[in-house]
Amino acid sequence: MRASHTDRERAIDVLKAGFSEGRLGQEEYEQRLARASQAQTYAELNMLIADLPQGPVPMPAPQPAYPVVPRTFLPAPPPRTNGSAVGALVCGVLTPMYGLTAIPAVILGHKARAEIRRTGEQGDGLAMAGLVLGWLAIGGILALILILVAAA
């Protein structure tokens, strides 16, 4: 197939890039440039630029400094601690100072234990401690109220 002026210009651009990158010497560049200007077919143009890169050269991907281990062979991350369980324990510990935190300790403790059974998270001991402290505080407050009522 016959080459057009645009095809010759593209080939000349490839030759210019090859020369500016140091892939062609001055004499070889001039010879190829003259032949490209007179080329009549695609085959003639392709012979002149076949050994030169024609566009961005793909770079190999950088290799990591350490071997990549597939996720299947890595240990599973430890299960998370349930946030409600932590909240139950904190409320239970604060009950002697602030008597009102006994009720949230019990509520959060029951909520946390249900979530832990459902999701497999950690923190069942924290939730149980919050529950025990909360119920003890509620029981102590009720006992104190009964003693005061009986004394009156």
Protein backbone atom coordinates (compact mmCIF):
# COMPACT_ATOMS: atom_id res chain seq x y z
CA MET A 1 0.00 0.00 0.00
CA ARG A 2 1.29 3.44 -0.87
CA ALA A 3 2.35 5.78 1.97
CA SER A 4 0.95 9.31 2.35
CA HIS A 5 2.74 12.50 3.37
CA THR A 6 1.39 12.07 6.89
CA ASP A 7 2.81 8.54 7.09
CA ARG A 8 6.24 9.80 6.03
CA GLU A 9 6.05 12.61 8.65
CA ARG A 10 5.22 10.08 11.38
CA ALA A 11 8.19 7.93 10.36
CA ILE A 12 10.44 11.00 10.35
CA ASP A 13 9.21 11.87 13.87
CA VAL A 14 10.16 8.37 15.05
CA LEU A 15 13.60 8.80 13.49
CA LYS A 16 14.03 12.21 15.18
CA ALA A 17 13.12 10.70 18.53
CA GLY A 18 15.56 7.85 17.99
CA PHE A 19 18.32 10.30 17.13
CA SER A 20 17.60 12.59 20.10
CA GLU A 21 17.59 9.56 22.45
CA GLY A 22 20.97 8.43 21.14
CA ARG A 23 19.69 5.32 19.39
CA LEU A 24 20.93 6.52 15.97
CA GLY A 25 24.21 8.12 15.00
CA GLN A 26 24.31 11.32 12.92
CA GLU A 27 25.24 9.58 9.65
CA GLU A 28 22.68 6.77 10.01
CA TYR A 29 19.98 9.30 11.00
CA GLU A 30 20.62 11.37 7.86
CA GLN A 31 20.56 8.28 5.62
CA ARG A 32 17.28 7.04 7.09
CA LEU A 33 15.79 10.53 6.94
CA ALA A 34 16.58 10.81 3.19
CA ARG A 35 15.12 7.34 2.50
CA ALA A 36 11.98 8.15 4.57
CA SER A 37 11.39 11.31 2.57
CA GLN A 38 11.49 9.30 -0.67
CA ALA A 39 9.61 6.20 0.57
CA GLN A 40 6.61 5.22 -1.54
CA THR A 41 5.10 2.35 0.53
CA TYR A 42 4.40 1.39 4.12
CA ALA A 43 6.89 -1.47 3.84
CA GLU A 44 9.73 0.95 3.03
CA LEU A 45 8.80 3.16 6.03
CA ASN A 46 8.48 0.16 8.35
CA MET A 47 11.97 -1.06 7.39
CA LEU A 48 13.42 2.32 8.42
CA ILE A 49 11.78 2.45 11.87
CA ALA A 50 11.29 -1.24 12.77
CA ASP A 51 14.25 -1.29 15.21
CA LEU A 52 13.18 1.90 17.03
CA PRO A 53 10.54 2.27 19.75
CA GLN A 54 7.40 3.91 18.44
CA GLY A 55 5.75 5.37 21.51
CA PRO A 56 6.14 4.92 25.24
CA VAL A 57 8.27 1.92 26.12
CA PRO A 58 6.60 -0.20 28.81
CA MET A 59 8.65 -0.27 31.98
CA PRO A 60 8.79 -3.47 34.03
CA ALA A 61 6.86 -3.27 37.29
CA PRO A 62 9.07 -2.55 40.30
CA GLN A 63 9.77 -5.63 42.39
CA PRO A 64 8.94 -5.36 46.11
CA ALA A 65 11.83 -5.53 48.58
CA TYR A 66 10.24 -8.56 50.25
CA PRO A 67 8.35 -11.51 48.78
CA VAL A 68 4.62 -11.04 48.50
CA VAL A 69 2.68 -13.63 50.49
CA PRO A 70 -0.83 -14.49 49.30
CA ARG A 71 -3.57 -13.52 51.79
CA THR A 72 -4.53 -17.18 52.15
CA PHE A 73 -1.24 -17.98 53.87
CA LEU A 74 -1.22 -15.01 56.23
CA PRO A 75 -2.56 -15.49 59.74
CA ALA A 76 -6.06 -14.20 60.28
CA PRO A 77 -6.23 -10.86 62.11
CA PRO A 78 -7.30 -11.19 65.73
CA PRO A 79 -10.99 -10.57 66.34
CA ARG A 80 -11.92 -7.08 67.48
CA THR A 81 -12.99 -6.29 71.01
CA ASN A 82 -16.63 -5.29 71.19
CA GLY A 83 -17.05 -1.58 71.97
CA SER A 84 -20.23 -2.11 73.99
CA ALA A 85 -18.35 -4.56 76.23
CA VAL A 86 -15.73 -1.93 76.98
CA GLY A 87 -18.48 0.61 77.66
CA ALA A 88 -20.23 -1.82 80.03
CA LEU A 89 -17.04 -2.35 82.03
CA VAL A 90 -16.30 1.39 82.23
CA CYS A 91 -19.84 2.15 83.40
CA GLY A 92 -19.64 -0.69 85.92
CA VAL A 93 -16.33 0.57 87.33
CA LEU A 94 -17.67 4.13 87.60
CA THR A 95 -20.80 3.01 89.50
CA PRO A 96 -19.37 3.55 93.04
CA MET A 97 -18.54 7.17 92.15
CA TYR A 98 -21.57 7.90 89.99
CA GLY A 99 -24.46 5.66 91.00
CA LEU A 100 -26.38 6.34 87.80
CA THR A 101 -23.92 4.41 85.62
CA ALA A 102 -25.18 1.06 86.94
CA ILE A 103 -28.15 1.04 84.55
CA PRO A 104 -26.07 1.76 81.40
CA ALA A 105 -23.59 -0.92 82.57
CA VAL A 106 -26.36 -3.52 82.64
CA ILE A 107 -27.87 -2.42 79.33
CA LEU A 108 -24.50 -2.28 77.54
CA GLY A 109 -23.44 -5.61 79.06
CA HIS A 110 -26.50 -7.43 77.73
CA LYS A 111 -26.19 -5.70 74.35
CA ALA A 112 -22.48 -6.58 74.12
CA ARG A 113 -23.01 -10.25 74.96
CA ALA A 114 -25.66 -10.54 72.24
CA GLU A 115 -23.38 -8.85 69.69
CA ILE A 116 -20.43 -11.05 70.70
CA ARG A 117 -22.48 -14.22 70.19
CA ARG A 118 -23.63 -12.96 66.79
CA THR A 119 -20.31 -11.58 65.42
CA GLY A 120 -17.63 -13.62 67.22
CA GLU A 121 -15.87 -10.52 68.58
CA GLN A 122 -13.85 -10.59 71.78
CA GLY A 123 -14.80 -8.96 75.08
CA ASP A 124 -17.25 -11.38 76.68
CA GLY A 125 -15.37 -11.11 80.00
CA LEU A 126 -15.52 -7.32 79.88
CA ALA A 127 -19.26 -7.42 79.22
CA MET A 128 -19.80 -9.92 82.05
CA ALA A 129 -17.77 -7.79 84.49
CA GLY A 130 -19.82 -4.71 83.57
CA LEU A 131 -23.03 -6.70 84.05
CA VAL A 132 -21.98 -8.02 87.48
CA LEU A 133 -20.86 -4.60 88.71
CA GLY A 134 -24.04 -2.99 87.38
CA TRP A 135 -26.38 -5.56 88.96
CA LEU A 136 -24.47 -5.42 92.26
CA ALA A 137 -24.83 -1.65 92.34
CA ILE A 138 -28.54 -1.83 91.50
CA GLY A 139 -29.03 -4.52 94.15
CA GLY A 140 -27.13 -2.42 96.71
CA ILE A 141 -29.19 0.67 95.94
CA LEU A 142 -32.46 -1.32 96.20
CA ALA A 143 -31.30 -2.87 99.52
CA LEU A 144 -30.45 0.60 100.83
CA ILE A 145 -33.89 1.89 99.81
CA LEU A 146 -35.61 -1.08 101.53
CA ILE A 147 -33.64 -0.51 104.72
CA LEU A 148 -34.55 3.18 104.71
CA VAL A 149 -38.24 2.41 104.06
CA ALA A 150 -38.30 -0.25 106.82
CA ALA A 151 -36.60 2.11 109.28
CA ALA A 152 -39.11 4.88 108.63
